[in-house]
Amino acid sequence: MAFNSRGQILTIRVGPSPTNPGEDAQTLLLIDPETLRVRAEKDLPPSPTSGSGVSFAGGGYFYMDNLRRVLGSGLNA
């Protein structure tokens, strides 16, 4: 979880894909800190797997750079 310069919450949701039924997806969410409503969302590219059934259960790791880009774990949103 992170916060942008406006205090909005950024986080990654992992679960069923809203656009591809039957598939799991990772989605970057921008959440209003007062209402907790999702203000924007962006599907992220699938994580590379090593064929060993790597799961997202350990958590998602990202950071925002000085240009306000979300980076980390192969992300570039």
N, C-alpha and C. Protein backbone atom coordinates (compact mmCIF):
# COMPACT_ATOMS: atom_id res chain seq x y z
N MET A 1 0.84 -1.16 0.00
CA MET A 1 0.00 0.00 0.00
C MET A 1 0.89 1.23 0.00
N ALA A 2 0.45 2.26 -0.69
CA ALA A 2 1.20 3.51 -0.73
C ALA A 2 0.20 4.67 -0.82
N PHE A 3 0.70 5.87 -0.66
CA PHE A 3 -0.12 7.07 -0.76
C PHE A 3 0.54 8.02 -1.76
N ASN A 4 -0.28 8.65 -2.60
CA ASN A 4 0.27 9.63 -3.53
C ASN A 4 0.29 11.01 -2.87
N SER A 5 0.71 12.03 -3.61
CA SER A 5 0.86 13.38 -3.05
C SER A 5 -0.49 14.00 -2.65
N ARG A 6 -1.59 13.44 -3.13
CA ARG A 6 -2.93 13.93 -2.75
C ARG A 6 -3.52 13.14 -1.59
N GLY A 7 -2.74 12.19 -1.05
CA GLY A 7 -3.22 11.39 0.06
C GLY A 7 -4.09 10.22 -0.36
N GLN A 8 -4.22 10.00 -1.67
CA GLN A 8 -5.01 8.87 -2.15
C GLN A 8 -4.24 7.58 -1.95
N ILE A 9 -4.98 6.50 -1.75
CA ILE A 9 -4.38 5.20 -1.47
C ILE A 9 -4.14 4.45 -2.77
N LEU A 10 -2.96 3.85 -2.90
CA LEU A 10 -2.64 2.97 -4.02
C LEU A 10 -2.39 1.58 -3.45
N THR A 11 -3.00 0.58 -4.05
CA THR A 11 -2.80 -0.78 -3.60
C THR A 11 -3.03 -1.73 -4.76
N ILE A 12 -2.67 -2.98 -4.57
CA ILE A 12 -2.86 -4.00 -5.61
C ILE A 12 -3.89 -5.00 -5.11
N ARG A 13 -4.91 -5.24 -5.94
CA ARG A 13 -5.92 -6.24 -5.65
C ARG A 13 -5.59 -7.47 -6.48
N VAL A 14 -5.65 -8.62 -5.84
CA VAL A 14 -5.41 -9.89 -6.53
C VAL A 14 -6.68 -10.71 -6.41
N GLY A 15 -7.17 -11.20 -7.53
CA GLY A 15 -8.38 -12.02 -7.49
C GLY A 15 -8.90 -12.25 -8.88
N PRO A 16 -10.16 -12.66 -8.97
CA PRO A 16 -10.75 -12.94 -10.28
C PRO A 16 -10.69 -11.71 -11.18
N SER A 17 -10.35 -11.94 -12.43
CA SER A 17 -10.26 -10.85 -13.39
C SER A 17 -11.65 -10.33 -13.75
N PRO A 18 -11.85 -9.00 -13.67
CA PRO A 18 -13.14 -8.44 -14.07
C PRO A 18 -13.35 -8.46 -15.59
N THR A 19 -12.25 -8.58 -16.35
CA THR A 19 -12.36 -8.54 -17.81
C THR A 19 -12.19 -9.90 -18.47
N ASN A 20 -11.55 -10.86 -17.79
CA ASN A 20 -11.34 -12.20 -18.34
C ASN A 20 -11.87 -13.25 -17.35
N PRO A 21 -13.16 -13.59 -17.44
CA PRO A 21 -13.74 -14.54 -16.51
C PRO A 21 -12.95 -15.85 -16.45
N GLY A 22 -12.80 -16.38 -15.24
CA GLY A 22 -12.07 -17.63 -15.06
C GLY A 22 -10.58 -17.45 -14.85
N GLU A 23 -10.08 -16.24 -15.03
CA GLU A 23 -8.65 -15.97 -14.84
C GLU A 23 -8.46 -15.08 -13.61
N ASP A 24 -7.30 -15.23 -12.97
CA ASP A 24 -6.94 -14.33 -11.88
C ASP A 24 -6.19 -13.14 -12.46
N ALA A 25 -6.27 -12.02 -11.76
CA ALA A 25 -5.62 -10.81 -12.25
C ALA A 25 -5.05 -10.02 -11.08
N GLN A 26 -4.09 -9.18 -11.40
CA GLN A 26 -3.54 -8.20 -10.45
C GLN A 26 -3.97 -6.84 -10.98
N THR A 27 -4.60 -6.06 -10.12
CA THR A 27 -5.13 -4.76 -10.53
C THR A 27 -4.63 -3.69 -9.58
N LEU A 28 -4.07 -2.63 -10.14
CA LEU A 28 -3.64 -1.48 -9.35
C LEU A 28 -4.88 -0.62 -9.10
N LEU A 29 -5.14 -0.28 -7.83
CA LEU A 29 -6.31 0.52 -7.47
C LEU A 29 -5.88 1.87 -6.90
N LEU A 30 -6.61 2.91 -7.26
CA LEU A 30 -6.47 4.23 -6.66
C LEU A 30 -7.74 4.46 -5.86
N ILE A 31 -7.60 4.64 -4.53
CA ILE A 31 -8.75 4.68 -3.64
C ILE A 31 -8.83 6.04 -2.94
N ASP A 32 -10.03 6.60 -2.89
CA ASP A 32 -10.27 7.84 -2.17
C ASP A 32 -10.13 7.57 -0.67
N PRO A 33 -9.29 8.34 0.04
CA PRO A 33 -9.04 8.06 1.46
C PRO A 33 -10.23 8.38 2.37
N GLU A 34 -11.16 9.21 1.92
CA GLU A 34 -12.30 9.56 2.77
C GLU A 34 -13.47 8.61 2.58
N THR A 35 -13.78 8.26 1.33
CA THR A 35 -14.95 7.41 1.05
C THR A 35 -14.56 5.94 0.87
N LEU A 36 -13.27 5.69 0.64
CA LEU A 36 -12.73 4.35 0.33
C LEU A 36 -13.30 3.78 -0.97
N ARG A 37 -13.79 4.64 -1.83
CA ARG A 37 -14.27 4.21 -3.15
C ARG A 37 -13.10 4.16 -4.12
N VAL A 38 -13.15 3.17 -5.00
CA VAL A 38 -12.12 3.05 -6.04
C VAL A 38 -12.33 4.17 -7.05
N ARG A 39 -11.31 5.01 -7.21
CA ARG A 39 -11.39 6.14 -8.15
C ARG A 39 -10.89 5.75 -9.53
N ALA A 40 -9.93 4.81 -9.58
CA ALA A 40 -9.38 4.35 -10.86
C ALA A 40 -8.77 2.98 -10.64
N GLU A 41 -8.69 2.20 -11.71
CA GLU A 41 -8.03 0.91 -11.63
C GLU A 41 -7.38 0.58 -12.95
N LYS A 42 -6.30 -0.20 -12.86
CA LYS A 42 -5.56 -0.58 -14.06
C LYS A 42 -5.10 -2.02 -13.90
N ASP A 43 -5.47 -2.85 -14.89
CA ASP A 43 -4.98 -4.23 -14.89
C ASP A 43 -3.48 -4.22 -15.09
N LEU A 44 -2.79 -5.05 -14.35
CA LEU A 44 -1.34 -5.16 -14.46
C LEU A 44 -1.00 -6.39 -15.26
N PRO A 45 0.16 -6.40 -15.90
CA PRO A 45 0.56 -7.58 -16.65
C PRO A 45 0.73 -8.76 -15.71
N PRO A 46 0.48 -9.98 -16.21
CA PRO A 46 0.65 -11.16 -15.35
C PRO A 46 2.09 -11.27 -14.84
N SER A 47 2.21 -11.76 -13.62
CA SER A 47 3.55 -11.98 -13.05
C SER A 47 4.20 -13.16 -13.74
N PRO A 48 5.49 -13.07 -14.02
CA PRO A 48 6.17 -14.22 -14.60
C PRO A 48 6.19 -15.36 -13.59
N THR A 49 5.99 -16.56 -14.07
CA THR A 49 6.03 -17.72 -13.18
C THR A 49 7.19 -18.61 -13.58
N SER A 50 7.70 -19.32 -12.61
CA SER A 50 8.82 -20.21 -12.86
C SER A 50 8.34 -21.63 -13.10
N GLY A 51 7.01 -21.81 -13.18
CA GLY A 51 6.47 -23.13 -13.36
C GLY A 51 6.33 -23.88 -12.04
N SER A 52 6.68 -23.23 -10.95
CA SER A 52 6.61 -23.89 -9.64
C SER A 52 5.37 -23.48 -8.87
N GLY A 53 4.41 -22.85 -9.54
CA GLY A 53 3.19 -22.45 -8.87
C GLY A 53 3.39 -21.30 -7.90
N VAL A 54 4.21 -20.33 -8.27
CA VAL A 54 4.47 -19.18 -7.40
C VAL A 54 3.15 -18.46 -7.16
N SER A 55 2.92 -18.11 -5.90
CA SER A 55 1.67 -17.44 -5.56
C SER A 55 1.93 -16.01 -5.13
N PHE A 56 0.88 -15.22 -5.07
CA PHE A 56 0.95 -13.83 -4.66
C PHE A 56 0.71 -13.71 -3.16
N ALA A 57 0.56 -14.84 -2.47
CA ALA A 57 0.18 -14.84 -1.06
C ALA A 57 1.18 -14.11 -0.17
N GLY A 58 2.42 -14.00 -0.58
CA GLY A 58 3.42 -13.30 0.23
C GLY A 58 3.26 -11.80 0.22
N GLY A 59 2.44 -11.27 -0.65
CA GLY A 59 2.20 -9.83 -0.71
C GLY A 59 2.70 -9.25 -2.01
N GLY A 60 2.26 -8.04 -2.28
CA GLY A 60 2.68 -7.33 -3.47
C GLY A 60 3.59 -6.19 -3.08
N TYR A 61 4.66 -6.03 -3.79
CA TYR A 61 5.64 -5.02 -3.44
C TYR A 61 5.81 -4.04 -4.59
N PHE A 62 5.63 -2.77 -4.30
CA PHE A 62 5.81 -1.73 -5.30
C PHE A 62 6.20 -0.44 -4.59
N TYR A 63 6.64 0.53 -5.37
CA TYR A 63 6.94 1.85 -4.84
C TYR A 63 6.63 2.87 -5.91
N MET A 64 6.56 4.12 -5.51
CA MET A 64 6.35 5.21 -6.47
C MET A 64 7.65 5.97 -6.61
N ASP A 65 8.04 6.24 -7.87
CA ASP A 65 9.27 7.00 -8.08
C ASP A 65 8.98 8.50 -8.06
N ASN A 66 10.01 9.30 -8.31
CA ASN A 66 9.84 10.76 -8.24
C ASN A 66 8.98 11.32 -9.38
N LEU A 67 8.64 10.49 -10.37
CA LEU A 67 7.74 10.90 -11.44
C LEU A 67 6.33 10.36 -11.20
N ARG A 68 6.08 9.85 -9.99
CA ARG A 68 4.80 9.31 -9.55
C ARG A 68 4.38 8.06 -10.32
N ARG A 69 5.37 7.31 -10.81
CA ARG A 69 5.09 6.03 -11.47
C ARG A 69 5.14 4.92 -10.43
N VAL A 70 4.28 3.94 -10.61
CA VAL A 70 4.28 2.77 -9.73
C VAL A 70 5.22 1.75 -10.33
N LEU A 71 6.22 1.31 -9.55
CA LEU A 71 7.24 0.39 -10.01
C LEU A 71 7.44 -0.72 -8.99
N GLY A 72 7.95 -1.84 -9.46
CA GLY A 72 8.30 -2.94 -8.56
C GLY A 72 7.71 -4.25 -9.02
N SER A 73 8.31 -5.34 -8.63
CA SER A 73 7.85 -6.70 -8.96
C SER A 73 7.52 -6.85 -10.45
N GLY A 74 8.30 -6.20 -11.30
CA GLY A 74 8.05 -6.29 -12.74
C GLY A 74 6.93 -5.36 -13.21
N LEU A 75 6.43 -4.48 -12.33
CA LEU A 75 5.35 -3.58 -12.68
C LEU A 75 5.91 -2.31 -13.28
N ASN A 76 5.16 -1.71 -14.14
CA ASN A 76 5.43 -0.37 -14.64
C ASN A 76 4.10 0.18 -15.10
N ALA A 77 3.35 0.72 -14.16
CA ALA A 77 1.97 1.15 -14.47
C ALA A 77 1.88 2.65 -14.69
